[in-house]
Amino acid sequence: MSKSKNIIVTNEFGNKDFLPLFSSEFKVFHFPMIKTVPTNKILDLDNFDFIIFTSKNGIRFFMDSIKEPHKLKFKKIISLGSKTSDYLKEFNINSYFTSPKNYAEVMLEEIKKRDFIKDKKVLLVQGNLASNNLFEGLKKFSIVERLNVYNTLLEKKIFLELEKIILDNDTYTVFTSPSCFDAFILNYEALRTNIISIGTTTTNFIEKKGYKALMTSKMQTYDSLSSMILEYLRERK
């Protein structure tokens, strides 16, 4: 008798990000491998012409920490991808520019090509584990300062239920960041599950750790990742 197909998501917020999976015919489990906490750091917004957001987490923690949110109305906002831009609208903030793809290197090239932040004062809002590549690239043509508004912590607790699910079922474990995978392999055997990655950055990290992803989403979004997983599993029912 073949084992049932189970999907495991490891990001922090689970069903909020993966509604198509949780509403599908497959069993889906959420075991968060990371948690984010605020740094409570903030800078004087008067010192910047542009503010760059690269994630919803960055926006959320930034908005929670600033004391004068009305000042954002006078800043030009740059966002990484449409989902980040859409989340800004929940705070009644519109992006001056939205990068067409969710990759920092694409954003950097698009900004450089348009030349609108040349020699401008820029605040780059990120988390502590974000690569420094975007910051280093922006430094070449703007006056940029990086602000880490949140820290990502690895979940070290062992979920006994997760161990049993992986052992007894045909599982497809979804990783949305290198840190999620890093936390997972601390306590679980990654070779026992099918590894699914949200994008090339996460896949490259997985491969550097000596593992192989079964699938990598072409678009680095939760919706694209969900569609890819469901299409794959439905074809193999």
Foldseek 3Di string as FASTA:
>chain_A
DAFAEEEEEADDPPCVFQVVVVPDPHHYYYHHFKDKDFPLDDDDPVQFQEEEELDLVLVVLHVVRDPCVVCLVRHAYEYEDDVRQVSVVVVVDHHPYYQHANDLVSVLVVCVVVLPQFQGEYEYGAAPPDDCVSVVSVVVGYNYDYDHGMYMDGDQDDDPVVQVPLVRGAYEYEDLALSSVVSCVVHHDPVSYAYEYLADRNQVSCVVVPDHHPYYFPGNGSVSSSVVVVVVVVVVD
